């Protein structure tokens, strides 16, 4: 008997399927491969392939990644997000952070009281 396994059909990545497109969109938001895997059901290799293919189709050079665009603040998407979100985040930080700062109370001091025995030893040596 001459058994030959079936050839797996090769998936054509043309970014018309929602899953292919979603991988690129989530990467542009700077999200991790693990997060993209959870959202799309794709494997890590499948995600990498789609991101590389998308990057090549858009004409980006070597060394460019969608995530680095987000981290470095160079993409139009991150600039738009910063414009919209920074005022809101500043307001939240201003409302929250000053309340979390702990100021020393008068009862607490940095001076350590030495035991009487140590004080006496200091006096005898100095005398």
C-alpha atoms as a PDB file:
ATOM      1  CA  UNK A   1       0.000   0.000   0.000  1.00  0.00           C
ATOM      2  CA  UNK A   2       1.408   3.364  -0.998  1.00  0.00           C
ATOM      3  CA  UNK A   3       0.216   5.911   1.580  1.00  0.00           C
ATOM      4  CA  UNK A   4       0.712   9.568   0.822  1.00  0.00           C
ATOM      5  CA  UNK A   5      -0.428  12.192   3.314  1.00  0.00           C
ATOM      6  CA  UNK A   6      -2.699  14.923   2.073  1.00  0.00           C
ATOM      7  CA  UNK A   7      -1.002  18.203   1.398  1.00  0.00           C
ATOM      8  CA  UNK A   8      -2.188  20.945   3.649  1.00  0.00           C
ATOM      9  CA  UNK A   9      -3.872  23.787   1.881  1.00  0.00           C
ATOM     10  CA  UNK A  10      -1.786  26.913   2.045  1.00  0.00           C
ATOM     11  CA  UNK A  11      -3.609  29.882   3.489  1.00  0.00           C
ATOM     12  CA  UNK A  12      -3.423  32.919   1.280  1.00  0.00           C
ATOM     13  CA  UNK A  13      -2.805  35.992   3.386  1.00  0.00           C
ATOM     14  CA  UNK A  14      -4.473  38.859   1.567  1.00  0.00           C
ATOM     15  CA  UNK A  15      -5.728  40.754   4.630  1.00  0.00           C
ATOM     16  CA  UNK A  16      -9.335  40.384   3.532  1.00  0.00           C
ATOM     17  CA  UNK A  17     -10.093  38.024   6.401  1.00  0.00           C
ATOM     18  CA  UNK A  18     -10.886  39.654   9.727  1.00  0.00           C
ATOM     19  CA  UNK A  19      -8.307  37.511  11.564  1.00  0.00           C
ATOM     20  CA  UNK A  20      -5.418  38.514   9.307  1.00  0.00           C
ATOM     21  CA  UNK A  21      -6.312  42.169   9.591  1.00  0.00           C
ATOM     22  CA  UNK A  22      -6.878  41.970  13.346  1.00  0.00           C
ATOM     23  CA  UNK A  23      -3.332  40.694  13.906  1.00  0.00           C
ATOM     24  CA  UNK A  24      -1.899  43.792  12.226  1.00  0.00           C
ATOM     25  CA  UNK A  25      -4.297  46.182  13.959  1.00  0.00           C
ATOM     26  CA  UNK A  26      -3.474  44.822  17.426  1.00  0.00           C
ATOM     27  CA  UNK A  27       0.263  44.918  16.693  1.00  0.00           C
ATOM     28  CA  UNK A  28      -0.062  48.557  15.633  1.00  0.00           C
ATOM     29  CA  UNK A  29      -1.483  49.219  19.084  1.00  0.00           C
ATOM     30  CA  UNK A  30       1.739  47.792  20.525  1.00  0.00           C
ATOM     31  CA  UNK A  31       0.101  44.669  21.939  1.00  0.00           C
ATOM     32  CA  UNK A  32       2.051  41.480  22.555  1.00  0.00           C
ATOM     33  CA  UNK A  33       1.970  38.324  20.485  1.00  0.00           C
ATOM     34  CA  UNK A  34       0.381  36.484  23.419  1.00  0.00           C
ATOM     35  CA  UNK A  35      -2.485  38.965  23.500  1.00  0.00           C
ATOM     36  CA  UNK A  36      -2.922  38.710  19.720  1.00  0.00           C
ATOM     37  CA  UNK A  37      -2.942  34.893  20.007  1.00  0.00           C
ATOM     38  CA  UNK A  38      -5.730  35.053  22.587  1.00  0.00           C
ATOM     39  CA  UNK A  39      -7.808  37.432  20.476  1.00  0.00           C
ATOM     40  CA  UNK A  40      -7.363  35.829  17.063  1.00  0.00           C
ATOM     41  CA  UNK A  41      -6.641  32.152  17.696  1.00  0.00           C
ATOM     42  CA  UNK A  42      -3.546  32.363  15.476  1.00  0.00           C
ATOM     43  CA  UNK A  43      -0.235  30.790  16.481  1.00  0.00           C
ATOM     44  CA  UNK A  44       2.859  32.880  17.149  1.00  0.00           C
ATOM     45  CA  UNK A  45       4.344  31.893  13.785  1.00  0.00           C
ATOM     46  CA  UNK A  46       1.157  32.786  11.944  1.00  0.00           C
ATOM     47  CA  UNK A  47       1.110  36.200  13.623  1.00  0.00           C
ATOM     48  CA  UNK A  48       4.762  36.858  12.766  1.00  0.00           C
ATOM     49  CA  UNK A  49       4.148  35.879   9.153  1.00  0.00           C
ATOM     50  CA  UNK A  50       1.178  38.244   8.824  1.00  0.00           C
ATOM     51  CA  UNK A  51       3.046  41.114  10.426  1.00  0.00           C
ATOM     52  CA  UNK A  52       6.076  40.590   8.174  1.00  0.00           C
ATOM     53  CA  UNK A  53       3.886  40.314   5.088  1.00  0.00           C
ATOM     54  CA  UNK A  54       1.903  43.448   6.029  1.00  0.00           C
ATOM     55  CA  UNK A  55       5.079  45.395   6.697  1.00  0.00           C
ATOM     56  CA  UNK A  56       6.539  44.358   3.331  1.00  0.00           C
ATOM     57  CA  UNK A  57       3.335  45.277   1.483  1.00  0.00           C
ATOM     58  CA  UNK A  58       3.342  48.719   3.098  1.00  0.00           C
ATOM     59  CA  UNK A  59       6.930  49.252   1.984  1.00  0.00           C
ATOM     60  CA  UNK A  60       8.608  49.469   5.376  1.00  0.00           C
ATOM     61  CA  UNK A  61      12.309  48.708   5.530  1.00  0.00           C
ATOM     62  CA  UNK A  62      14.289  46.215   7.528  1.00  0.00           C
ATOM     63  CA  UNK A  63      14.231  46.752  11.274  1.00  0.00           C
ATOM     64  CA  UNK A  64      10.805  48.372  11.311  1.00  0.00           C
ATOM     65  CA  UNK A  65       8.041  46.740  13.302  1.00  0.00           C
ATOM     66  CA  UNK A  66       4.545  47.863  14.073  1.00  0.00           C
ATOM     67  CA  UNK A  67       5.274  47.602  17.785  1.00  0.00           C
ATOM     68  CA  UNK A  68       8.437  49.727  17.581  1.00  0.00           C
ATOM     69  CA  UNK A  69       6.367  52.394  15.850  1.00  0.00           C
ATOM     70  CA  UNK A  70       4.114  52.446  18.900  1.00  0.00           C
ATOM     71  CA  UNK A  71       6.952  52.378  21.454  1.00  0.00           C
ATOM     72  CA  UNK A  72       8.946  55.091  19.697  1.00  0.00           C
ATOM     73  CA  UNK A  73       5.915  57.288  19.098  1.00  0.00           C
ATOM     74  CA  UNK A  74       6.634  57.578  15.385  1.00  0.00           C
ATOM     75  CA  UNK A  75       3.368  56.309  13.920  1.00  0.00           C
ATOM     76  CA  UNK A  76       0.344  58.441  13.138  1.00  0.00           C
ATOM     77  CA  UNK A  77      -1.841  56.163  15.263  1.00  0.00           C
ATOM     78  CA  UNK A  78       0.238  56.705  18.405  1.00  0.00           C
ATOM     79  CA  UNK A  79       0.362  60.449  17.821  1.00  0.00           C
ATOM     80  CA  UNK A  80      -3.423  60.571  17.565  1.00  0.00           C
ATOM     81  CA  UNK A  81      -3.776  58.448  20.709  1.00  0.00           C
ATOM     82  CA  UNK A  82      -1.376  60.714  22.595  1.00  0.00           C
ATOM     83  CA  UNK A  83      -3.275  63.820  21.515  1.00  0.00           C
ATOM     84  CA  UNK A  84      -6.532  62.342  22.785  1.00  0.00           C
ATOM     85  CA  UNK A  85      -5.344  60.489  25.875  1.00  0.00           C
ATOM     86  CA  UNK A  86      -2.624  62.613  27.486  1.00  0.00           C
ATOM     87  CA  UNK A  87      -4.991  65.290  28.854  1.00  0.00           C
ATOM     88  CA  UNK A  88      -7.197  62.601  30.397  1.00  0.00           C
ATOM     89  CA  UNK A  89      -4.212  60.745  31.883  1.00  0.00           C
ATOM     90  CA  UNK A  90      -2.736  63.966  33.285  1.00  0.00           C
ATOM     91  CA  UNK A  91      -6.041  64.770  34.986  1.00  0.00           C
ATOM     92  CA  UNK A  92      -6.232  61.261  36.492  1.00  0.00           C
ATOM     93  CA  UNK A  93      -2.607  61.399  37.694  1.00  0.00           C
ATOM     94  CA  UNK A  94      -3.131  64.828  39.232  1.00  0.00           C
ATOM     95  CA  UNK A  95      -6.215  63.574  41.077  1.00  0.00           C
ATOM     96  CA  UNK A  96      -4.592  60.357  42.308  1.00  0.00           C
ATOM     97  CA  UNK A  97      -0.855  60.759  42.898  1.00  0.00           C
ATOM     98  CA  UNK A  98      -0.732  63.665  45.387  1.00  0.00           C
ATOM     99  CA  UNK A  99      -3.052  61.706  47.687  1.00  0.00           C
ATOM    100  CA  UNK A 100      -0.643  58.757  47.666  1.00  0.00           C
ATOM    101  CA  UNK A 101       2.403  60.737  48.780  1.00  0.00           C
ATOM    102  CA  UNK A 102       3.113  60.061  52.447  1.00  0.00           C
ATOM    103  CA  UNK A 103       4.438  62.997  54.394  1.00  0.00           C
ATOM    104  CA  UNK A 104       6.290  62.400  57.668  1.00  0.00           C
ATOM    105  CA  UNK A 105       4.233  63.044  60.757  1.00  0.00           C
ATOM    106  CA  UNK A 106       5.629  64.966  63.764  1.00  0.00           C
ATOM    107  CA  UNK A 107       5.633  61.754  65.850  1.00  0.00           C
ATOM    108  CA  UNK A 108       7.997  60.061  63.430  1.00  0.00           C
ATOM    109  CA  UNK A 109      11.587  61.192  63.443  1.00  0.00           C
ATOM    110  CA  UNK A 110      14.766  59.920  61.850  1.00  0.00           C
ATOM    111  CA  UNK A 111      16.733  60.274  65.102  1.00  0.00           C
ATOM    112  CA  UNK A 112      17.397  56.949  66.786  1.00  0.00           C
ATOM    113  CA  UNK A 113      17.548  56.955  70.572  1.00  0.00           C
ATOM    114  CA  UNK A 114      20.536  55.053  71.895  1.00  0.00           C
ATOM    115  CA  UNK A 115      20.144  52.834  74.940  1.00  0.00           C
ATOM    116  CA  UNK A 116      21.503  54.260  78.242  1.00  0.00           C
ATOM    117  CA  UNK A 117      24.339  51.698  78.304  1.00  0.00           C
ATOM    118  CA  UNK A 118      25.637  52.901  74.959  1.00  0.00           C
ATOM    119  CA  UNK A 119      25.360  56.519  76.052  1.00  0.00           C
ATOM    120  CA  UNK A 120      27.429  55.772  79.189  1.00  0.00           C
ATOM    121  CA  UNK A 121      30.099  53.986  77.150  1.00  0.00           C
ATOM    122  CA  UNK A 122      30.387  57.016  74.933  1.00  0.00           C
ATOM    123  CA  UNK A 123      30.888  59.312  77.931  1.00  0.00           C
ATOM    124  CA  UNK A 124      33.608  57.231  79.520  1.00  0.00           C
ATOM    125  CA  UNK A 125      35.647  56.992  76.330  1.00  0.00           C
ATOM    126  CA  UNK A 126      35.295  60.693  75.644  1.00  0.00           C
ATOM    127  CA  UNK A 127      36.356  61.623  79.197  1.00  0.00           C
END
